[in-house]
Amino acid sequence: MEDFNALPKVVGLKQTLKNLKAGRIDRVILAADSDDFIIEEVKKACLEQSVPIASAESKRALGKACGIERAAAVVGILK
């Protein structure tokens, strides 16, 4: 998995959705083991904003790739 630690980003559903709606997200990384409601919310918002979605193998792996000690269901890479 790509290392997202150095990239400008937001972590978590609320921050990602807020920044998606504001047009500040370049792409989204969504953990495959996220809850269904999170996956649906993120996919819907990305479709509305024409933002590509990449997949991560797990929340734990995504958190690690972002340089945080916690699991992350979704990460938004900022423009």
C-alpha atoms as a PDB file:
ATOM      1  CA  MET A   1       0.000   0.000   0.000  1.00  0.00           C
ATOM      2  CA  GLU A   2       1.114   3.527  -0.779  1.00  0.00           C
ATOM      3  CA  ASP A   3       2.454   5.612   2.098  1.00  0.00           C
ATOM      4  CA  PHE A   4       0.104   8.565   2.673  1.00  0.00           C
ATOM      5  CA  ASN A   5       1.986   9.960   5.675  1.00  0.00           C
ATOM      6  CA  ALA A   6       3.571  12.921   3.837  1.00  0.00           C
ATOM      7  CA  LEU A   7       0.471  13.845   1.808  1.00  0.00           C
ATOM      8  CA  PRO A   8      -2.005  16.506   2.965  1.00  0.00           C
ATOM      9  CA  LYS A   9      -5.076  14.568   4.093  1.00  0.00           C
ATOM     10  CA  VAL A  10      -8.085  14.315   6.325  1.00  0.00           C
ATOM     11  CA  VAL A  11      -8.888  11.158   8.261  1.00  0.00           C
ATOM     12  CA  GLY A  12     -12.332   9.893   9.183  1.00  0.00           C
ATOM     13  CA  LEU A  13     -15.838   9.984   7.774  1.00  0.00           C
ATOM     14  CA  LYS A  14     -16.941  13.440   8.998  1.00  0.00           C
ATOM     15  CA  GLN A  15     -13.829  15.275   7.833  1.00  0.00           C
ATOM     16  CA  THR A  16     -13.718  13.451   4.515  1.00  0.00           C
ATOM     17  CA  LEU A  17     -17.388  14.155   3.728  1.00  0.00           C
ATOM     18  CA  LYS A  18     -17.060  17.807   4.789  1.00  0.00           C
ATOM     19  CA  ASN A  19     -14.029  18.336   2.555  1.00  0.00           C
ATOM     20  CA  LEU A  20     -15.592  16.390  -0.331  1.00  0.00           C
ATOM     21  CA  LYS A  21     -18.603  18.686  -0.304  1.00  0.00           C
ATOM     22  CA  ALA A  22     -16.282  21.709  -0.228  1.00  0.00           C
ATOM     23  CA  GLY A  23     -14.386  20.425  -3.281  1.00  0.00           C
ATOM     24  CA  ARG A  24     -11.060  20.065  -1.471  1.00  0.00           C
ATOM     25  CA  ILE A  25     -10.524  16.305  -1.975  1.00  0.00           C
ATOM     26  CA  ASP A  26      -8.425  14.915  -4.835  1.00  0.00           C
ATOM     27  CA  ARG A  27      -9.081  11.234  -4.095  1.00  0.00           C
ATOM     28  CA  VAL A  28     -10.447   9.003  -1.357  1.00  0.00           C
ATOM     29  CA  ILE A  29      -9.057   5.793   0.108  1.00  0.00           C
ATOM     30  CA  LEU A  30     -11.680   3.532   1.632  1.00  0.00           C
ATOM     31  CA  ALA A  31     -10.860   0.509   3.802  1.00  0.00           C
ATOM     32  CA  ALA A  32     -12.432  -2.709   2.538  1.00  0.00           C
ATOM     33  CA  ASP A  33     -13.535  -3.716   6.042  1.00  0.00           C
ATOM     34  CA  SER A  34     -15.402  -0.461   6.739  1.00  0.00           C
ATOM     35  CA  ASP A  35     -19.026  -0.606   7.848  1.00  0.00           C
ATOM     36  CA  ASP A  36     -21.530  -0.745   4.996  1.00  0.00           C
ATOM     37  CA  PHE A  37     -23.096   2.623   5.858  1.00  0.00           C
ATOM     38  CA  ILE A  38     -19.669   4.294   5.665  1.00  0.00           C
ATOM     39  CA  ILE A  39     -18.933   2.699   2.305  1.00  0.00           C
ATOM     40  CA  GLU A  40     -22.291   3.821   0.894  1.00  0.00           C
ATOM     41  CA  GLU A  41     -21.975   7.393   2.240  1.00  0.00           C
ATOM     42  CA  VAL A  42     -18.477   7.802   0.833  1.00  0.00           C
ATOM     43  CA  LYS A  43     -19.295   6.241  -2.540  1.00  0.00           C
ATOM     44  CA  LYS A  44     -22.345   8.499  -2.919  1.00  0.00           C
ATOM     45  CA  ALA A  45     -20.400  11.660  -2.051  1.00  0.00           C
ATOM     46  CA  CYS A  46     -17.500  10.721  -4.340  1.00  0.00           C
ATOM     47  CA  LEU A  47     -19.872  10.044  -7.218  1.00  0.00           C
ATOM     48  CA  GLU A  48     -21.539  13.443  -6.738  1.00  0.00           C
ATOM     49  CA  GLN A  49     -18.151  15.201  -6.731  1.00  0.00           C
ATOM     50  CA  SER A  50     -16.505  12.990  -9.416  1.00  0.00           C
ATOM     51  CA  VAL A  51     -13.723  11.999  -7.023  1.00  0.00           C
ATOM     52  CA  PRO A  52     -11.963   8.653  -7.549  1.00  0.00           C
ATOM     53  CA  ILE A  53     -11.977   6.013  -4.808  1.00  0.00           C
ATOM     54  CA  ALA A  54      -9.107   3.657  -4.074  1.00  0.00           C
ATOM     55  CA  SER A  55      -9.375   0.660  -1.776  1.00  0.00           C
ATOM     56  CA  ALA A  56      -7.217  -0.316   1.186  1.00  0.00           C
ATOM     57  CA  GLU A  57      -7.098  -3.880   2.492  1.00  0.00           C
ATOM     58  CA  SER A  58      -8.145  -2.930   6.032  1.00  0.00           C
ATOM     59  CA  LYS A  59      -8.788  -0.049   8.416  1.00  0.00           C
ATOM     60  CA  ARG A  60      -5.668  -0.958  10.382  1.00  0.00           C
ATOM     61  CA  ALA A  61      -3.483  -0.946   7.228  1.00  0.00           C
ATOM     62  CA  LEU A  62      -4.950   2.391   6.112  1.00  0.00           C
ATOM     63  CA  GLY A  63      -4.246   3.973   9.495  1.00  0.00           C
ATOM     64  CA  LYS A  64      -0.684   2.704   9.394  1.00  0.00           C
ATOM     65  CA  ALA A  65      -0.202   4.040   5.832  1.00  0.00           C
ATOM     66  CA  CYS A  66      -1.308   7.457   7.127  1.00  0.00           C
ATOM     67  CA  GLY A  67       1.157   7.375   9.998  1.00  0.00           C
ATOM     68  CA  ILE A  68      -1.442   7.144  12.744  1.00  0.00           C
ATOM     69  CA  GLU A  69      -1.729   4.579  15.511  1.00  0.00           C
ATOM     70  CA  ARG A  70      -5.464   4.031  15.000  1.00  0.00           C
ATOM     71  CA  ALA A  71      -7.528   2.275  12.388  1.00  0.00           C
ATOM     72  CA  ALA A  72      -8.971   4.543   9.680  1.00  0.00           C
ATOM     73  CA  ALA A  73     -12.065   3.642   7.662  1.00  0.00           C
ATOM     74  CA  VAL A  74     -11.666   6.466   5.163  1.00  0.00           C
ATOM     75  CA  VAL A  75      -9.012   9.009   4.221  1.00  0.00           C
ATOM     76  CA  GLY A  76      -9.363  11.967   1.895  1.00  0.00           C
ATOM     77  CA  ILE A  77      -6.244  13.153   0.062  1.00  0.00           C
ATOM     78  CA  LEU A  78      -6.441  16.933  -0.270  1.00  0.00           C
ATOM     79  CA  LYS A  79      -5.809  18.826  -3.508  1.00  0.00           C
END
